[in-house]
N, C-alpha and C. Protein backbone atom coordinates (compact mmCIF):
# COMPACT_ATOMS: atom_id res chain seq x y z
N MET A 1 78.40 83.21 99.88
CA MET A 1 79.60 83.30 100.95
C MET A 1 78.68 82.93 102.00
N ASP A 2 79.21 82.13 102.67
CA ASP A 2 78.68 81.97 103.97
C ASP A 2 78.81 82.93 105.06
N GLN A 3 77.82 83.44 105.53
CA GLN A 3 78.02 84.30 106.18
C GLN A 3 78.50 84.06 107.91
N ARG A 4 78.18 83.14 107.91
CA ARG A 4 78.98 82.20 109.18
C ARG A 4 80.62 82.47 109.69
N LEU A 5 80.97 82.30 108.70
CA LEU A 5 82.36 82.81 108.44
C LEU A 5 83.33 84.12 109.22
N LEU A 6 82.06 84.81 109.83
CA LEU A 6 82.72 86.07 110.19
C LEU A 6 82.06 85.92 111.53
N GLY A 7 81.00 85.17 112.46
CA GLY A 7 80.51 84.98 113.40
C GLY A 7 79.69 86.15 113.53
N PRO A 8 78.96 86.08 114.63
CA PRO A 8 77.84 87.62 114.44
C PRO A 8 78.72 89.30 114.90
N VAL A 9 78.23 89.73 113.63
CA VAL A 9 78.66 91.30 113.88
C VAL A 9 77.82 92.07 114.28
N PRO A 10 77.67 93.02 115.37
CA PRO A 10 77.04 93.82 115.65
C PRO A 10 76.92 94.82 114.60
N LEU A 11 75.55 95.31 113.93
CA LEU A 11 75.79 96.70 113.76
C LEU A 11 75.30 97.67 114.08
N ARG A 12 75.60 98.70 113.85
CA ARG A 12 75.60 100.12 114.93
C ARG A 12 75.16 101.05 113.98
N TRP A 13 74.22 102.36 114.05
CA TRP A 13 74.52 103.54 113.37
C TRP A 13 75.77 104.17 113.81
N CYS A 14 75.81 105.22 113.10
CA CYS A 14 77.16 105.98 113.37
C CYS A 14 77.21 106.96 114.25
N LEU A 15 76.02 107.33 114.48
CA LEU A 15 75.94 107.83 115.84
C LEU A 15 76.73 106.85 117.14
N ALA A 16 75.79 105.51 117.00
CA ALA A 16 76.51 104.84 117.99
C ALA A 16 77.68 104.50 118.31
N ARG A 17 78.38 104.70 117.52
CA ARG A 17 79.53 104.18 117.41
C ARG A 17 80.61 105.56 117.52
N VAL A 18 79.99 106.86 117.28
CA VAL A 18 81.02 107.75 118.05
C VAL A 18 80.49 107.87 119.08
N ARG A 19 79.69 107.21 120.00
CA ARG A 19 79.52 107.00 121.39
C ARG A 19 79.92 106.39 122.08
N GLY A 20 81.10 105.26 121.57
CA GLY A 20 81.88 104.34 121.65
C GLY A 20 81.32 103.14 121.73
N GLN A 21 80.07 102.29 121.15
CA GLN A 21 79.90 101.47 121.43
C GLN A 21 80.64 100.45 120.27
N ARG A 22 80.36 99.36 120.47
CA ARG A 22 81.28 98.35 119.80
C ARG A 22 80.49 98.10 119.02
N GLY A 23 80.74 97.84 117.51
CA GLY A 23 80.00 97.00 116.39
C GLY A 23 80.41 97.37 115.10
N THR A 24 80.29 97.61 113.80
CA THR A 24 80.17 98.34 112.66
C THR A 24 79.11 98.62 112.06
N ASN A 25 79.21 99.03 110.77
CA ASN A 25 77.94 99.63 110.12
C ASN A 25 77.73 99.37 108.36
N PRO A 26 77.04 99.33 107.93
CA PRO A 26 77.63 98.86 106.65
C PRO A 26 78.40 99.54 105.78
N GLU A 27 78.42 100.61 105.80
CA GLU A 27 79.32 101.59 105.36
C GLU A 27 81.07 101.28 105.63
N GLU A 28 81.61 100.88 106.74
CA GLU A 28 82.53 100.02 106.71
C GLU A 28 82.78 98.75 106.17
N LEU A 29 81.94 97.71 106.38
CA LEU A 29 81.69 96.52 105.93
C LEU A 29 82.01 96.93 104.30
N LEU A 30 81.36 97.87 103.46
CA LEU A 30 81.50 98.09 102.53
C LEU A 30 82.99 98.58 101.81
N ALA A 31 83.07 99.24 102.49
CA ALA A 31 85.06 99.52 103.18
C ALA A 31 85.73 98.56 102.67
N ALA A 32 85.68 98.06 103.86
CA ALA A 32 86.30 96.62 103.65
C ALA A 32 86.42 95.92 102.34
N ALA A 33 85.20 95.68 102.34
CA ALA A 33 85.21 94.81 100.89
C ALA A 33 85.98 95.28 99.62
N HIS A 34 85.88 96.68 99.62
CA HIS A 34 86.00 97.39 98.37
C HIS A 34 87.84 97.30 98.59
N ALA A 35 88.28 97.52 99.46
CA ALA A 35 89.56 97.69 99.76
C ALA A 35 90.39 96.09 99.48
N ALA A 36 89.45 94.82 100.26
CA ALA A 36 90.00 93.54 99.78
C ALA A 36 89.93 93.33 98.21
N CYS A 37 88.78 93.37 97.71
CA CYS A 37 88.57 93.33 96.18
C CYS A 37 89.25 94.03 95.53
N PHE A 38 89.88 95.57 96.07
CA PHE A 38 90.84 95.89 94.98
C PHE A 38 92.17 95.51 95.18
N SER A 39 92.47 94.77 96.26
CA SER A 39 93.91 94.34 96.63
C SER A 39 94.15 92.93 95.86
N MET A 40 92.95 92.41 95.80
CA MET A 40 92.94 91.30 94.94
C MET A 40 92.98 91.18 93.16
N ALA A 41 92.04 92.45 92.80
CA ALA A 41 92.17 92.88 91.51
C ALA A 41 94.11 93.52 91.36
N LEU A 42 94.41 93.72 92.25
CA LEU A 42 95.79 94.88 91.91
C LEU A 42 97.00 93.22 92.09
N SER A 43 97.01 92.51 92.97
CA SER A 43 97.47 91.11 93.06
C SER A 43 97.51 90.40 91.82
N LEU A 44 96.19 90.33 90.84
CA LEU A 44 96.25 89.01 90.07
C LEU A 44 96.73 89.87 88.53
N GLY A 45 96.40 91.79 88.76
CA GLY A 45 97.04 92.05 87.54
C GLY A 45 98.59 91.92 87.34
N LEU A 46 99.23 92.13 88.50
CA LEU A 46 100.60 92.29 88.74
C LEU A 46 101.05 90.69 88.44
N SER A 47 100.74 90.09 88.69
CA SER A 47 101.15 88.75 88.78
C SER A 47 101.30 87.91 87.15
N ASP A 48 99.91 88.78 86.70
CA ASP A 48 99.51 88.02 85.25
C ASP A 48 100.63 88.83 84.51
N ALA A 49 101.34 89.92 85.00
CA ALA A 49 102.04 90.77 84.40
C ALA A 49 103.69 90.21 84.36
N GLY A 50 103.61 89.27 85.11
CA GLY A 50 105.10 88.64 85.54
C GLY A 50 105.52 89.57 86.59
N HIS A 51 104.86 90.07 87.19
CA HIS A 51 105.67 90.85 88.29
C HIS A 51 104.43 90.88 90.23
N PRO A 52 104.71 89.44 90.70
CA PRO A 52 103.78 89.04 91.55
C PRO A 52 104.53 90.00 92.65
N PRO A 53 103.58 90.85 93.26
CA PRO A 53 103.62 91.28 94.68
C PRO A 53 104.35 90.60 95.96
N SER A 54 105.07 91.01 96.80
CA SER A 54 105.48 90.21 98.15
C SER A 54 104.02 90.79 98.81
N SER A 55 103.73 92.02 99.05
CA SER A 55 102.73 92.69 99.70
C SER A 55 101.94 93.38 99.38
N ILE A 56 100.74 93.55 99.58
CA ILE A 56 99.86 94.51 99.19
C ILE A 56 99.02 94.69 100.19
N GLN A 57 99.09 96.23 100.73
CA GLN A 57 98.34 96.66 101.76
C GLN A 57 97.51 98.29 101.14
N THR A 58 96.07 97.94 101.48
CA THR A 58 95.23 98.58 100.73
C THR A 58 94.02 99.02 101.86
N THR A 59 93.63 100.23 102.04
CA THR A 59 92.60 101.00 103.04
C THR A 59 91.88 101.89 101.98
N ALA A 60 90.17 101.81 102.56
CA ALA A 60 88.85 102.78 101.42
C ALA A 60 88.25 103.10 102.95
N ARG A 61 88.06 104.36 102.28
CA ARG A 61 87.61 105.45 103.21
C ARG A 61 86.06 105.68 102.36
N VAL A 62 85.05 105.65 103.03
CA VAL A 62 83.65 106.14 102.39
C VAL A 62 83.54 107.56 102.98
N HIS A 63 82.90 108.27 102.14
CA HIS A 63 82.48 109.73 102.84
C HIS A 63 81.13 109.72 102.32
N LEU A 64 79.79 110.08 103.34
CA LEU A 64 78.53 109.91 103.37
C LEU A 64 78.51 111.50 103.37
N ARG A 65 77.44 111.83 102.38
CA ARG A 65 76.76 113.07 102.28
C ARG A 65 75.23 113.14 102.42
N VAL A 66 74.58 113.71 102.83
CA VAL A 66 73.40 114.12 102.54
C VAL A 66 73.08 114.59 101.49
N VAL A 67 72.03 113.79 100.67
CA VAL A 67 71.49 114.60 99.31
C VAL A 67 70.22 113.91 99.16
N GLY A 68 69.51 115.21 99.03
CA GLY A 68 68.30 115.27 98.93
C GLY A 68 67.50 114.27 99.91
N GLY A 69 68.00 114.83 101.28
CA GLY A 69 67.51 114.81 102.47
C GLY A 69 67.62 113.09 102.86
N ALA A 70 68.83 112.49 101.95
CA ALA A 70 69.47 111.40 102.56
C ALA A 70 70.78 110.92 102.69
N PRO A 71 71.14 109.83 103.57
CA PRO A 71 72.54 109.69 103.34
C PRO A 71 72.75 109.35 102.21
N ALA A 72 73.88 109.46 101.05
CA ALA A 72 74.35 108.52 100.06
C ALA A 72 75.88 108.70 100.46
N ILE A 73 76.78 107.53 99.60
CA ILE A 73 77.90 107.64 99.46
C ILE A 73 78.52 108.61 98.36
N GLN A 74 79.00 109.26 98.66
CA GLN A 74 79.53 110.36 97.42
C GLN A 74 80.98 110.14 97.11
N GLN A 75 81.85 109.66 97.92
CA GLN A 75 83.49 109.54 97.70
C GLN A 75 83.82 108.54 97.95
N ILE A 76 84.76 107.43 97.52
CA ILE A 76 85.59 106.41 98.11
C ILE A 76 86.91 106.86 98.01
N ASP A 77 87.93 106.96 99.19
CA ASP A 77 89.16 107.00 98.93
C ASP A 77 90.10 105.82 99.05
N LEU A 78 90.60 104.96 98.18
CA LEU A 78 91.59 103.76 97.95
C LEU A 78 93.14 104.25 97.99
N ASN A 79 93.56 103.56 99.19
CA ASN A 79 94.98 104.10 99.42
C ASN A 79 95.65 102.96 99.50
N THR A 80 96.80 102.48 98.96
CA THR A 80 97.36 101.52 98.50
C THR A 80 98.86 101.43 98.51
N GLU A 81 99.50 100.58 98.97
CA GLU A 81 100.77 100.35 99.26
C GLU A 81 101.04 99.00 99.01
N ALA A 82 102.23 98.89 97.91
CA ALA A 82 102.66 97.51 97.60
C ALA A 82 104.47 97.47 97.66
N ASP A 83 104.70 96.07 97.88
CA ASP A 83 106.14 95.84 97.63
C ASP A 83 106.09 95.23 96.34
N VAL A 84 106.63 95.52 95.21
CA VAL A 84 106.71 94.44 94.07
C VAL A 84 107.94 94.71 93.48
N PRO A 85 108.82 93.99 93.30
CA PRO A 85 110.28 93.80 93.33
C PRO A 85 109.74 93.88 91.42
N GLY A 86 111.09 94.84 91.13
CA GLY A 86 111.45 94.99 89.88
C GLY A 86 110.15 95.68 89.19
N LEU A 87 109.23 96.45 89.57
CA LEU A 87 108.90 97.82 89.16
C LEU A 87 108.95 98.86 89.68
N ASP A 88 108.71 99.97 88.60
CA ASP A 88 108.71 101.16 88.76
C ASP A 88 107.43 101.96 89.08
N GLN A 89 107.41 102.85 90.01
CA GLN A 89 106.19 103.70 90.47
C GLN A 89 105.15 104.19 89.05
N GLU A 90 105.37 104.40 87.80
CA GLU A 90 105.07 104.55 87.03
C GLU A 90 104.05 103.25 86.18
N GLU A 91 104.54 102.54 86.24
CA GLU A 91 104.09 101.31 86.09
C GLU A 91 103.31 100.50 86.96
N PHE A 92 103.59 100.94 88.16
CA PHE A 92 102.82 100.26 89.54
C PHE A 92 101.14 101.05 89.35
N GLN A 93 101.29 102.22 88.91
CA GLN A 93 99.93 103.34 89.42
C GLN A 93 99.86 102.82 87.95
N ASP A 94 100.03 102.43 86.66
CA ASP A 94 99.24 102.03 85.78
C ASP A 94 98.27 100.89 85.87
N HIS A 95 99.08 99.61 86.74
CA HIS A 95 97.98 98.17 87.22
C HIS A 95 97.09 99.05 88.37
N ALA A 96 98.03 100.20 88.95
CA ALA A 96 96.74 100.00 90.50
C ALA A 96 95.41 100.86 89.71
N GLU A 97 95.34 101.78 88.70
CA GLU A 97 94.52 102.12 88.07
C GLU A 97 93.79 100.88 86.82
N ARG A 98 94.00 100.35 86.49
CA ARG A 98 93.32 99.24 86.08
C ARG A 98 92.49 98.34 86.63
N ALA A 99 93.51 98.41 87.89
CA ALA A 99 93.09 97.36 89.10
C ALA A 99 91.33 98.12 89.65
N LYS A 100 91.46 99.62 90.01
CA LYS A 100 90.40 99.97 90.25
C LYS A 100 88.77 100.15 89.44
N THR A 101 89.71 100.13 87.85
CA THR A 101 88.16 99.75 87.08
C THR A 101 87.83 98.36 86.98
N SER A 102 88.93 97.46 87.39
CA SER A 102 88.28 96.41 87.14
C SER A 102 88.00 95.34 88.16
N CYS A 103 87.93 96.01 89.12
CA CYS A 103 87.54 95.56 90.64
C CYS A 103 86.07 95.27 90.86
N ILE A 104 85.29 93.95 91.37
CA ILE A 104 84.01 93.97 91.11
C ILE A 104 83.20 94.74 91.60
N ILE A 105 83.60 95.04 92.90
CA ILE A 105 83.31 96.26 93.85
C ILE A 105 83.21 97.32 93.52
N SER A 106 84.08 98.00 92.84
CA SER A 106 83.98 99.63 92.14
C SER A 106 83.09 99.40 91.04
N ARG A 107 83.60 97.97 90.03
CA ARG A 107 82.32 98.49 89.34
C ARG A 107 81.00 98.49 89.52
N ALA A 108 80.37 97.98 90.86
CA ALA A 108 79.27 97.58 91.60
C ALA A 108 79.14 99.11 91.88
N LEU A 109 80.00 99.80 92.40
CA LEU A 109 79.68 101.10 92.63
C LEU A 109 79.88 102.18 91.93
N GLY A 110 79.39 101.91 90.85
CA GLY A 110 79.16 102.84 89.71
C GLY A 110 78.44 103.84 89.61
N GLY A 111 77.36 104.34 90.85
CA GLY A 111 76.79 105.38 91.16
C GLY A 111 77.36 106.32 92.40
N VAL A 112 78.87 105.76 92.57
CA VAL A 112 79.25 106.46 93.93
C VAL A 112 80.22 107.93 92.47
N GLY A 113 79.83 109.23 93.08
CA GLY A 113 80.43 110.16 92.25
C GLY A 113 82.00 110.08 92.27
N GLN A 114 82.62 109.65 92.89
CA GLN A 114 84.19 109.82 92.60
C GLN A 114 84.45 109.06 93.64
N ILE A 115 85.94 108.15 92.69
CA ILE A 115 86.51 107.04 93.72
C ILE A 115 87.93 107.69 93.10
N ASN A 116 88.55 107.92 94.63
CA ASN A 116 90.19 108.46 94.66
C ASN A 116 90.78 107.21 94.50
N LEU A 117 92.27 107.20 93.73
CA LEU A 117 93.32 106.07 94.42
C LEU A 117 94.24 106.90 94.38
N SER A 118 95.02 106.41 95.76
CA SER A 118 96.55 106.83 96.05
C SER A 118 97.55 105.83 96.09
N ALA A 119 98.32 105.36 95.05
CA ALA A 119 98.87 104.01 95.09
C ALA A 119 100.53 104.37 95.09
N THR A 120 101.23 103.65 95.90
CA THR A 120 102.38 104.22 96.60
C THR A 120 103.42 102.70 96.37
N LEU A 121 104.12 102.84 95.73
CA LEU A 121 105.37 101.46 95.75
C LEU A 121 106.19 101.77 96.67
N ALA A 122 106.26 100.56 97.67
CA ALA A 122 107.07 100.83 98.79
C ALA A 122 108.33 100.56 98.06
N SER A 123 109.38 100.96 98.84
CA SER A 123 110.70 101.12 98.53
C SER A 123 111.61 100.12 99.05
């Protein structure tokens, strides 16, 4: 990936963000990458099954904890909502669970203790 596509991204420690300074941090970038990767995996899985989604909206929240005196990612919450014509909630949940385990970022984060998923089918 050509990192010039994003332009300069000021990185800040969490404390700087709390004080109102602009920028992002690696944890936020990881969450954004995870949400995007999950959405792409879900879209592919749904489309391959004959249910192309009209829309998918996903957010990811990274939970940091101090473990052994160092910060660690202990949990990630994925929240997704999609508009998928012709699909019921149970079928959608199955596709979402498969996307969670097949997404490249989820697999790369195998050391994270818990990755939660909330999947809602838009009505």
